[in-house]
Amino acid sequence: MSEEAPLPRSLVPLPGESLPGLLLRLSHRLDQPPSVIAFRSGLTRRIGIPTPVNHLLMLAPQFRPRFSRATRVPEHLTDGLTLRPLVSRYPAVADALTRRGRQSHLRPRSYFPPWIFGTSTRYCPLCLAGDGSQIQLRHGGAWKTTWRLAVTFICLHHRIFLQDTCPACQVPAHVASRKLSLLPSPTVAGLHPLQCRNTRTDLTHCGDRMDNPDHVINTSTPSPEVIELQHQLQHLLSPDCDPTSAFAVFSDLQVLAAIVQATWPATASVTPEHRLADAFDAHITAQQHCDLTALTHVQRGNLWVTPPLSAPAMAGLMDIASRLLALPPAALPQAITALLGSLPPPTASGWGNIWTRLRHDASPEFRTQVMSALPRSFRVGGSREDASWRIARRPALRTRDRGYLPEHIPQWLPDDWFRLAVHDTSPKAMSRSVTYRRFVAVQLVQIVTGFQLEEAARFLGIPDAWHQAPIQQRKLHSRSRYRHRTEDLSVSLESIGRHLAQIESPVSYRARRMRYSDWTLSPEEWASMTASRPRQEGRHSPSDLLIHACVSSSIWARLTGSEWRLAPSILIHFPSLSSLDMGGKQAEAVRHRIRHRTSPYYRGLGELINQVAAAEHRA
C-alpha cells in the first residue's frame, strides 16, 4: 500500500485529545507500532526515527495535508490536537511558537518553555478509563492536550488531582527516552494506549495500566477553593475569555510564581492550604538539594521559573500566586517589598526570562505595581554599552502614563496619526519616510513603558535585523538619526499621545498581531475570491501567484495594523516553491495598482480586500 494512501481505518479525535493520544489509539486499532502510524501520516521521514515533539505545539502547514489524508481528520481540526489554539492566551505557547526579535510568524520550535510539559504529561486515571462507550472500552479515553500545561492540575470532571508518574515504575508518565520525541517507545507494538510505555533499566517496558482506579485511592482531595481556582484558570484557557486578558493574567501569575519560588518559604503564610504548602515545600526542598552540575544550562537558568510537575505542589504555588495577585493595588507593592530581603539579584541564574515577561506581557497595572516595589537593578539591565549609544535608544520623552497603553499602538501608524508627527517646518521627505514612520511607532511604545528601542521594536513585532543591520541598510533607526529634530519629535509625540488618549474604544493591535500571526490567504480562498473576476492577461502581466501574495499581505496588514513586509508568506501553501520576490518591481506595481485602483480588476480586488478584512474582524 502506498505511504500516501489513507490508513485502512481511523478514529474520530475525542474531545480535548492530544496528537500523541490519537497516534497511540490509532496504533492500537491498527495493531501497528506508533512510529509506523507517525510515518504513514507524514509526521516523520522514515519508520523508526523519533517523531519530533514540536508537532505537539502545532502541525506546520507542510504536514497538515498528508496527516489529514492519512487519518481522515479534516485539516481545520488538526490544530485542536495541538497547543496552537492557545498561542494568543498562554504565554508559554507563544514563546514556543515565536521568537522575540524575529518576525512573529508561528513556527514550532524544538524548545518547550517551563510552563509546558514537553517530555512528560499529567493525567487523570478516571478520564483515561473512558466514558463506557464501545470505542473507548477498546482503545481507552483521551490523553488530553491541556494535561501538558502547568496550570492544569485538577480534573474538574472527577474533582481529583491529576497524577504525574506511573505508580508501578515511579517514572513520569509518557516520558520519552529521547528528549525531543513526541512518543515514548515509538517502535514498540502491542501495548494498549493506557499502558505505561516507560522503559526499565533491563530494557523491558513497564506496561502497567494507567487507568487503574486504585491509583486515586491514596491521593488527597482538593478543597472547594482550589477547585474554584482551577475553574478560573480553565476559563482563561477557554474561547469564552478575552485572549488579551488571559495572556496578561497568566503572565502576572508566572512573575509571582517565580518570586514565590525564589523566596520560599517567605510566602508560606499566604495560603491556608497547608497540605498544598507542604507539597510545594517538598518540591523546593528537592530542588535545593539537587546536584546543579547535573542540570543543563537551560535548566539552571530557569530554576525559579520552572513549575512543579506534582499537581498538589503546583496547586499550592498557584494558590499563593493568585492570592498575591488578588491583593489591593497598594498592598501588592508592600508584599513584594517585604520579600526583598530574600530576593536573589536580577543577575542570578534562575530567573530565566521572567523580567522580560514582566516588562512585555504583564498587565499594565500589575507591571506598575511590581516595578515600583523592585530595586532599580531589576528594572534597568546592567548594560555596559557606550552612554551615547544607550541614550539614543531611550524614549525621547519622560516615561509616564499618557492615557493609552502600548497595546494600542499599531506597528504601521494610520495616515491621520502620522500626519500629526510631521510639521510645517519638517522636511518634505519626512512625510513620506517609511523609516521615520516606524521610529515614531516605536517611540509611542517607549514613552509609556520605558522600554529601550530593541524591546519596543520587538513588542511591535519588528525583527532585530531591521535595526541591527549596517546603518545604510537599516529599516529602523534610533534617536541619533533624528537628533537635529528633537523639538519637533517631542511635539509630535505629545500630539499623537493626546489623540490616542481621546479614543474611546482603542484597538488592541498587540492582540491582533498575536491572533493573526500566521494568517495567510489560502489558495482555496483566493480561487473563490477571483472566480468571477477574470483579468486581462498581457505579455508583462504579473503572475497569479504574485497577485495572490500581494493581496494576502495587504489583508494581513489591514488585520494587524502592520506593514506588508512582515506578513507571513503564502509559500507555506506551496512547498515546491522556495522564494517569491515580494520586494521587486512587479510586486510593487501590483501593490500600487491595488492601492490606487488603476483598473476594474484591481478596483475589484481592493473591494474584496476590504470585505475579507472586515469579515475576519467580525469572526
Foldseek 3Di string as FASTA:
>chain_A
DDLLAAAPDADDDDQQFAPQQRLQLVCLVVQAFSQSVCSSQPQDVDRPDFRFLLVQLDDFLVRQPSNCRHRVDDSVCRRSNHNPVLCLQAPQSQVQQAPFQAQSFGDGDLDGPQQFASQAFWADLQQQCDDPDPSCVRQTHGPGSCRRGLLQQADLVVQFGTHQADPQPRHGAQGAPDNRGNGHPRRDGDAGSQFGQDADPVRDGRGDGSNPPVVRPPGDGDDPVLSVVSVVLVVSRDPVDDRLVSQQVNLQLLLLQLLVLQQPPPQVVQDPPNVLSVVLVVVSVCLVPDDVVPDDLVCQQQVSSNADSNSSPSSSSSVSSVSLVPDPLVVNLVVLLVRVVRHDFPPHRNNHCSLLSLLQRHDPSSSVSPVVNDDVCSVDPPDPDDPVVQVLQWALDAADDLQDALLLQAQQDPLVLVVLLDDPPHPPVCSVQQQNRNQLSLNLNRNHRRDGSSSSCSSNSHRNCQDPPPPVRHSYYTNVVVVVCSVSRVSSSSVSSNVNNPDPDGDRLSSQCSVCSNDFQAPVNLCVLCVPPDDDDDPPQDDPQLLRQLLRLLLSCLRRVHHSVSHHGNCSNVVVDDDDCCPDPNNVVSNVCLVVVVDVRSVSSVVVSVVVSVVVVVD
